[in-house]
Amino acid sequence: MKCIVCVKQVPDTSGVVAVKEDGTMYVVDWVHATQGNASADVARTYLLFCLTDQAAAEKYMDLFCEKTSTAKRYVQQWLPLVAAAQLTKKRPEEKELLQSWLNVCDYQ
């Protein structure tokens, strides 16, 4: 295994992004490590990345979907739910972004 050359804190989480020499990124969120839907976790991390770096957020979601053969649309369906849950933490710097996701869903 190649050496990790960069470890960066994910904004407002206990997670870190580890980047290998070749640019491969890994996100580790040990505090929230539990059994659950991975796409919901990806949606949360995507929203947190959006606060500081939209390009990194898009790359993160695209890579997850590609590597796991998960439809991007499926992950995106979690965004309103995750945004609502994150709003309960009452962080003023997140409020505008999270509220913009609340009404973004398809009804069947």
C-alpha atoms as a PDB file:
ATOM      1  CA  MET A   1       0.000   0.000   0.000  1.00  0.00           C
ATOM      2  CA  LYS A   2       1.305   3.446  -0.897  1.00  0.00           C
ATOM      3  CA  CYS A   3       1.858   6.056   1.748  1.00  0.00           C
ATOM      4  CA  ILE A   4      -0.931   8.498   2.537  1.00  0.00           C
ATOM      5  CA  VAL A   5       0.367  11.955   1.678  1.00  0.00           C
ATOM      6  CA  CYS A   6      -2.452  14.130   2.990  1.00  0.00           C
ATOM      7  CA  VAL A   7      -4.973  13.804   5.767  1.00  0.00           C
ATOM      8  CA  LYS A   8      -7.598  16.549   5.952  1.00  0.00           C
ATOM      9  CA  GLN A   9     -10.432  17.086   8.428  1.00  0.00           C
ATOM     10  CA  VAL A  10     -13.880  16.969   6.813  1.00  0.00           C
ATOM     11  CA  PRO A  11     -15.638  20.247   7.714  1.00  0.00           C
ATOM     12  CA  ASP A  12     -17.659  19.991  10.954  1.00  0.00           C
ATOM     13  CA  THR A  13     -17.303  16.236  11.380  1.00  0.00           C
ATOM     14  CA  SER A  14     -15.116  13.718  13.107  1.00  0.00           C
ATOM     15  CA  GLY A  15     -14.185  12.321   9.704  1.00  0.00           C
ATOM     16  CA  VAL A  16     -10.984  12.722   7.821  1.00  0.00           C
ATOM     17  CA  VAL A  17     -10.149  12.549   4.140  1.00  0.00           C
ATOM     18  CA  ALA A  18      -7.001  10.612   3.406  1.00  0.00           C
ATOM     19  CA  VAL A  19      -5.436  11.244   0.001  1.00  0.00           C
ATOM     20  CA  LYS A  20      -2.850   8.864  -1.429  1.00  0.00           C
ATOM     21  CA  GLU A  21       0.014   9.861  -3.712  1.00  0.00           C
ATOM     22  CA  ASP A  22      -2.018   8.987  -6.803  1.00  0.00           C
ATOM     23  CA  GLY A  23      -4.927  11.213  -5.705  1.00  0.00           C
ATOM     24  CA  THR A  24      -7.123   8.387  -4.421  1.00  0.00           C
ATOM     25  CA  MET A  25      -9.353   9.751  -1.643  1.00  0.00           C
ATOM     26  CA  TYR A  26     -10.712   7.885   1.375  1.00  0.00           C
ATOM     27  CA  VAL A  27     -13.181   9.291   3.913  1.00  0.00           C
ATOM     28  CA  VAL A  28     -13.158   7.793   7.387  1.00  0.00           C
ATOM     29  CA  ASP A  29     -15.797   8.836   9.921  1.00  0.00           C
ATOM     30  CA  TRP A  30     -15.013   6.759  13.011  1.00  0.00           C
ATOM     31  CA  VAL A  31     -17.415   8.406  15.453  1.00  0.00           C
ATOM     32  CA  HIS A  32     -20.380   7.662  13.215  1.00  0.00           C
ATOM     33  CA  ALA A  33     -19.166   4.210  12.144  1.00  0.00           C
ATOM     34  CA  THR A  34     -22.184   1.937  12.505  1.00  0.00           C
ATOM     35  CA  GLN A  35     -24.452  -0.191  10.422  1.00  0.00           C
ATOM     36  CA  GLY A  36     -26.692   1.878   8.195  1.00  0.00           C
ATOM     37  CA  ASN A  37     -27.312   2.991   4.653  1.00  0.00           C
ATOM     38  CA  ALA A  38     -24.042   4.022   3.029  1.00  0.00           C
ATOM     39  CA  SER A  39     -25.833   6.333   0.601  1.00  0.00           C
ATOM     40  CA  ALA A  40     -27.244   8.337   3.515  1.00  0.00           C
ATOM     41  CA  ASP A  41     -23.719   8.742   4.869  1.00  0.00           C
ATOM     42  CA  VAL A  42     -22.492   9.825   1.455  1.00  0.00           C
ATOM     43  CA  ALA A  43     -25.296  12.384   1.215  1.00  0.00           C
ATOM     44  CA  ARG A  44     -24.298  13.841   4.601  1.00  0.00           C
ATOM     45  CA  THR A  45     -20.628  14.060   3.717  1.00  0.00           C
ATOM     46  CA  TYR A  46     -21.533  15.538   0.317  1.00  0.00           C
ATOM     47  CA  LEU A  47     -23.529  18.323   2.012  1.00  0.00           C
ATOM     48  CA  LEU A  48     -20.692  19.040   4.433  1.00  0.00           C
ATOM     49  CA  PHE A  49     -18.210  19.254   1.557  1.00  0.00           C
ATOM     50  CA  CYS A  50     -20.599  21.636  -0.245  1.00  0.00           C
ATOM     51  CA  LEU A  51     -20.102  24.143   2.568  1.00  0.00           C
ATOM     52  CA  THR A  52     -16.487  24.691   1.556  1.00  0.00           C
ATOM     53  CA  ASP A  53     -15.704  22.991  -1.759  1.00  0.00           C
ATOM     54  CA  GLN A  54     -18.423  22.156  -4.305  1.00  0.00           C
ATOM     55  CA  ALA A  55     -15.945  20.511  -6.687  1.00  0.00           C
ATOM     56  CA  ALA A  56     -14.710  18.142  -3.967  1.00  0.00           C
ATOM     57  CA  ALA A  57     -18.318  17.359  -3.040  1.00  0.00           C
ATOM     58  CA  GLU A  58     -19.158  16.397  -6.623  1.00  0.00           C
ATOM     59  CA  LYS A  59     -15.989  14.337  -6.992  1.00  0.00           C
ATOM     60  CA  TYR A  60     -16.705  12.551  -3.710  1.00  0.00           C
ATOM     61  CA  MET A  61     -20.235  11.575  -4.737  1.00  0.00           C
ATOM     62  CA  ASP A  62     -19.196  10.617  -8.270  1.00  0.00           C
ATOM     63  CA  LEU A  63     -16.401   8.381  -6.968  1.00  0.00           C
ATOM     64  CA  PHE A  64     -18.671   6.686  -4.446  1.00  0.00           C
ATOM     65  CA  CYS A  65     -21.295   5.990  -7.095  1.00  0.00           C
ATOM     66  CA  GLU A  66     -18.721   4.722  -9.566  1.00  0.00           C
ATOM     67  CA  LYS A  67     -16.891   2.467  -7.094  1.00  0.00           C
ATOM     68  CA  THR A  68     -20.064   0.974  -5.574  1.00  0.00           C
ATOM     69  CA  SER A  69     -22.236   0.877  -8.706  1.00  0.00           C
ATOM     70  CA  THR A  70     -24.799   3.004  -6.868  1.00  0.00           C
ATOM     71  CA  ALA A  71     -27.070   5.220  -8.934  1.00  0.00           C
ATOM     72  CA  LYS A  72     -26.308   8.873  -8.232  1.00  0.00           C
ATOM     73  CA  ARG A  73     -30.047   9.539  -8.190  1.00  0.00           C
ATOM     74  CA  TYR A  74     -30.410   7.124  -5.268  1.00  0.00           C
ATOM     75  CA  VAL A  75     -27.814   8.984  -3.206  1.00  0.00           C
ATOM     76  CA  GLN A  76     -29.405  12.317  -4.130  1.00  0.00           C
ATOM     77  CA  GLN A  77     -32.759  11.116  -2.780  1.00  0.00           C
ATOM     78  CA  TRP A  78     -31.188  11.096   0.681  1.00  0.00           C
ATOM     79  CA  LEU A  79     -30.163  14.777   0.515  1.00  0.00           C
ATOM     80  CA  PRO A  80     -33.443  16.321   1.812  1.00  0.00           C
ATOM     81  CA  LEU A  81     -33.639  13.862   4.719  1.00  0.00           C
ATOM     82  CA  VAL A  82     -30.024  14.336   5.673  1.00  0.00           C
ATOM     83  CA  ALA A  83     -30.312  18.127   5.339  1.00  0.00           C
ATOM     84  CA  ALA A  84     -33.302  18.154   7.696  1.00  0.00           C
ATOM     85  CA  ALA A  85     -31.447  16.028  10.235  1.00  0.00           C
ATOM     86  CA  GLN A  86     -28.352  18.238  10.006  1.00  0.00           C
ATOM     87  CA  LEU A  87     -30.470  21.372  10.554  1.00  0.00           C
ATOM     88  CA  THR A  88     -31.330  20.106  14.043  1.00  0.00           C
ATOM     89  CA  LYS A  89     -27.715  20.829  15.019  1.00  0.00           C
ATOM     90  CA  LYS A  90     -28.514  24.544  14.580  1.00  0.00           C
ATOM     91  CA  ARG A  91     -25.239  25.618  12.985  1.00  0.00           C
ATOM     92  CA  PRO A  92     -25.848  29.078  11.461  1.00  0.00           C
ATOM     93  CA  GLU A  93     -23.154  28.638   8.815  1.00  0.00           C
ATOM     94  CA  GLU A  94     -24.983  25.573   7.433  1.00  0.00           C
ATOM     95  CA  LYS A  95     -28.556  26.847   7.575  1.00  0.00           C
ATOM     96  CA  GLU A  96     -28.898  28.419   4.103  1.00  0.00           C
ATOM     97  CA  LEU A  97     -27.360  25.481   2.246  1.00  0.00           C
ATOM     98  CA  LEU A  98     -29.326  22.877   4.186  1.00  0.00           C
ATOM     99  CA  GLN A  99     -32.639  24.704   3.809  1.00  0.00           C
ATOM    100  CA  SER A 100     -32.093  24.839   0.059  1.00  0.00           C
ATOM    101  CA  TRP A 101     -32.245  21.017   0.020  1.00  0.00           C
ATOM    102  CA  LEU A 102     -35.401  20.572   2.095  1.00  0.00           C
ATOM    103  CA  ASN A 103     -37.929  20.782  -0.744  1.00  0.00           C
ATOM    104  CA  VAL A 104     -35.840  19.009  -3.338  1.00  0.00           C
ATOM    105  CA  CYS A 105     -37.453  15.606  -3.763  1.00  0.00           C
ATOM    106  CA  ASP A 106     -39.746  13.726  -6.093  1.00  0.00           C
ATOM    107  CA  TYR A 107     -43.114  12.579  -4.841  1.00  0.00           C
ATOM    108  CA  GLN A 108     -44.605   9.401  -6.260  1.00  0.00           C
END
